[in-house]
């Protein structure tokens, strides 16, 4: 067991820019299953809930209060391809804070850093309207995060450099 660490490598108000960077990073992964992708959005009232569910059919709701109608809640949806995740995230980002997370991938070995391939802690995330991975606080920007093994900031920096980016903030404990 263990949690990832997440390093932010881009903060931008342009969601297309964030998604383009994410797609480039997915191409760096040595193995990638496009079906292993899910979206989550925070819901704070009935209006948001209705808009999210109507926008993308098939989304599930998880309540954190005593039951249905007791907010907050999360709305979740799986995506089978990058284009589907891109469309869903763009739609949801216009409504509330949300994120897309890709997993079931391997970060490549980095021989010069003495790092083997990484599967267990390899994830990629785009958080919309937020600077944190859990989308707890609203922000005007979207953030791209590389998730990797704790202590592997050098891997995160190496991955970011492969796509013309760099680490732009402190690490967060992941999942």
Protein backbone atom coordinates (compact mmCIF):
# COMPACT_ATOMS: atom_id res chain seq x y z
CA UNK A 1 0.00 0.00 0.00
CA UNK A 2 1.02 3.60 -0.35
CA UNK A 3 0.05 6.90 -1.84
CA UNK A 4 1.36 8.70 -4.87
CA UNK A 5 2.89 12.13 -4.76
CA UNK A 6 1.54 14.62 -7.27
CA UNK A 7 3.65 17.35 -8.81
CA UNK A 8 1.98 20.23 -10.67
CA UNK A 9 3.65 20.89 -14.01
CA UNK A 10 1.27 23.43 -15.55
CA UNK A 11 -1.29 25.96 -14.36
CA UNK A 12 -3.27 27.65 -17.11
CA UNK A 13 -6.64 29.22 -17.81
CA UNK A 14 -6.62 27.43 -21.18
CA UNK A 15 -8.09 23.94 -20.73
CA UNK A 16 -7.08 22.96 -24.28
CA UNK A 17 -3.44 23.71 -23.36
CA UNK A 18 -3.70 21.52 -20.25
CA UNK A 19 -5.25 18.65 -22.23
CA UNK A 20 -2.65 18.93 -24.99
CA UNK A 21 0.10 18.61 -22.39
CA UNK A 22 -1.67 15.62 -20.83
CA UNK A 23 -1.91 13.90 -24.21
CA UNK A 24 1.82 14.45 -24.77
CA UNK A 25 2.59 12.94 -21.36
CA UNK A 26 0.43 9.91 -22.10
CA UNK A 27 2.56 9.33 -25.19
CA UNK A 28 5.67 9.28 -22.96
CA UNK A 29 4.21 6.48 -20.84
CA UNK A 30 5.72 3.13 -21.85
CA UNK A 31 2.32 1.45 -21.51
CA UNK A 32 -1.06 3.08 -21.41
CA UNK A 33 -4.60 1.71 -21.23
CA UNK A 34 -7.00 4.41 -22.47
CA UNK A 35 -9.91 2.61 -20.77
CA UNK A 36 -8.34 3.26 -17.37
CA UNK A 37 -9.56 6.81 -17.07
CA UNK A 38 -12.20 8.36 -14.88
CA UNK A 39 -13.64 11.79 -14.22
CA UNK A 40 -14.91 13.18 -10.92
CA UNK A 41 -16.77 16.41 -10.26
CA UNK A 42 -17.75 17.99 -6.95
CA UNK A 43 -21.42 18.85 -6.59
CA UNK A 44 -22.71 21.37 -4.07
CA UNK A 45 -26.38 21.84 -5.01
CA UNK A 46 -29.28 20.41 -7.02
CA UNK A 47 -28.64 22.72 -9.97
CA UNK A 48 -25.05 21.56 -10.45
CA UNK A 49 -26.11 17.94 -10.04
CA UNK A 50 -28.80 18.20 -12.71
CA UNK A 51 -26.49 20.00 -15.16
CA UNK A 52 -23.66 17.46 -14.72
CA UNK A 53 -25.90 14.42 -15.12
CA UNK A 54 -27.78 15.88 -18.09
CA UNK A 55 -24.52 16.84 -19.78
CA UNK A 56 -23.10 13.31 -19.70
CA UNK A 57 -25.41 10.35 -19.43
CA UNK A 58 -24.15 7.36 -17.46
CA UNK A 59 -22.54 9.34 -14.65
CA UNK A 60 -22.87 7.97 -11.12
CA UNK A 61 -23.47 9.97 -7.92
CA UNK A 62 -21.87 9.36 -4.52
CA UNK A 63 -23.31 11.21 -1.52
CA UNK A 64 -21.13 12.25 1.41
CA UNK A 65 -23.93 13.27 3.74
CA UNK A 66 -26.72 11.18 5.20
CA UNK A 67 -28.18 10.31 1.81
CA UNK A 68 -29.46 11.64 -1.51
CA UNK A 69 -29.90 15.39 -1.43
CA UNK A 70 -27.44 15.89 1.43
CA UNK A 71 -24.54 17.70 -0.29
CA UNK A 72 -21.68 17.58 -1.08
CA UNK A 73 -21.58 14.71 -3.54
CA UNK A 74 -19.35 13.60 -6.38
CA UNK A 75 -20.40 12.70 -9.87
CA UNK A 76 -18.17 10.13 -11.59
CA UNK A 77 -17.82 8.85 -15.12
CA UNK A 78 -15.44 6.48 -16.89
CA UNK A 79 -13.90 7.32 -20.24
CA UNK A 80 -12.79 4.80 -22.84
CA UNK A 81 -10.61 7.08 -24.96
CA UNK A 82 -8.71 10.35 -24.69
CA UNK A 83 -11.23 12.16 -26.92
CA UNK A 84 -14.10 11.06 -24.69
CA UNK A 85 -12.27 12.23 -21.56
CA UNK A 86 -11.43 15.55 -23.25
CA UNK A 87 -15.05 16.18 -24.23
CA UNK A 88 -16.42 15.20 -20.81
CA UNK A 89 -13.88 17.29 -18.91
CA UNK A 90 -14.49 20.32 -21.10
CA UNK A 91 -18.23 20.01 -20.49
CA UNK A 92 -17.93 19.53 -16.73
CA UNK A 93 -15.29 22.27 -16.30
CA UNK A 94 -17.91 24.75 -17.47
CA UNK A 95 -20.13 23.69 -14.56
CA UNK A 96 -17.93 23.06 -11.50
CA UNK A 97 -14.54 21.88 -10.19
CA UNK A 98 -13.62 18.50 -11.61
CA UNK A 99 -10.72 16.32 -12.65
CA UNK A 100 -9.74 13.53 -15.00
CA UNK A 101 -7.29 10.83 -13.84
CA UNK A 102 -5.48 8.36 -16.07
CA UNK A 103 -4.01 5.27 -14.44
CA UNK A 104 -3.05 1.75 -15.62
CA UNK A 105 0.10 3.09 -17.19
CA UNK A 106 3.87 2.87 -16.71
CA UNK A 107 6.28 5.74 -16.48
CA UNK A 108 9.42 4.73 -18.38
CA UNK A 109 12.70 3.82 -16.77
CA UNK A 110 15.09 6.74 -16.33
CA UNK A 111 18.48 5.03 -16.48
CA UNK A 112 20.51 8.18 -15.82
CA UNK A 113 18.58 8.66 -12.54
CA UNK A 114 18.72 4.98 -11.57
CA UNK A 115 14.91 4.66 -11.80
CA UNK A 116 13.18 1.55 -13.13
CA UNK A 117 9.82 1.60 -14.87
CA UNK A 118 7.04 2.71 -12.52
CA UNK A 119 3.58 1.15 -12.63
CA UNK A 120 2.15 1.24 -9.11
CA UNK A 121 2.41 5.02 -8.64
CA UNK A 122 2.12 6.16 -12.28
CA UNK A 123 -0.87 8.43 -12.88
CA UNK A 124 -1.65 11.62 -14.75
CA UNK A 125 -4.30 14.15 -13.76
CA UNK A 126 -5.86 17.36 -15.01
CA UNK A 127 -7.71 19.28 -12.29
CA UNK A 128 -10.13 21.89 -13.63
CA UNK A 129 -10.84 25.13 -11.82
CA UNK A 130 -8.47 24.08 -9.04
CA UNK A 131 -4.84 24.04 -7.94
CA UNK A 132 -5.17 20.85 -5.84
CA UNK A 133 -5.72 17.23 -6.81
CA UNK A 134 -8.94 16.88 -4.81
CA UNK A 135 -10.43 20.06 -6.33
CA UNK A 136 -11.33 21.30 -2.87
CA UNK A 137 -10.89 24.99 -3.60
CA UNK A 138 -11.93 26.89 -6.71
CA UNK A 139 -9.25 28.55 -8.84
CA UNK A 140 -9.40 30.31 -12.20
CA UNK A 141 -6.78 27.92 -13.55
CA UNK A 142 -6.54 24.26 -14.51
CA UNK A 143 -3.60 22.22 -13.21
CA UNK A 144 -1.79 19.24 -14.75
CA UNK A 145 -0.27 16.83 -12.21
CA UNK A 146 2.22 14.02 -12.64
CA UNK A 147 1.70 11.33 -9.99
CA UNK A 148 4.69 9.18 -9.11
CA UNK A 149 6.31 7.31 -6.24
CA UNK A 150 6.99 9.43 -3.13
CA UNK A 151 10.53 10.79 -3.26
CA UNK A 152 10.71 10.60 -7.06
CA UNK A 153 10.64 14.32 -7.79
CA UNK A 154 13.49 13.73 -10.23
CA UNK A 155 11.22 11.41 -12.26
CA UNK A 156 8.45 14.02 -12.28
CA UNK A 157 10.91 16.70 -13.41
CA UNK A 158 12.32 14.37 -16.08
CA UNK A 159 8.81 13.56 -17.39
CA UNK A 160 7.84 17.23 -17.42
CA UNK A 161 11.00 18.13 -19.35
CA UNK A 162 10.11 15.52 -22.02
CA UNK A 163 7.04 17.57 -22.91
CA UNK A 164 8.54 21.04 -22.50
CA UNK A 165 7.21 21.66 -18.98
CA UNK A 166 8.61 21.91 -15.46
CA UNK A 167 7.42 21.48 -11.89
CA UNK A 168 5.56 24.69 -10.94
CA UNK A 169 4.65 24.12 -7.29
CA UNK A 170 5.03 21.92 -4.25
CA UNK A 171 4.09 18.26 -4.24
CA UNK A 172 0.83 16.97 -2.79
CA UNK A 173 0.14 13.60 -1.24
CA UNK A 174 -1.94 11.64 -3.72
CA UNK A 175 -4.14 8.60 -3.35
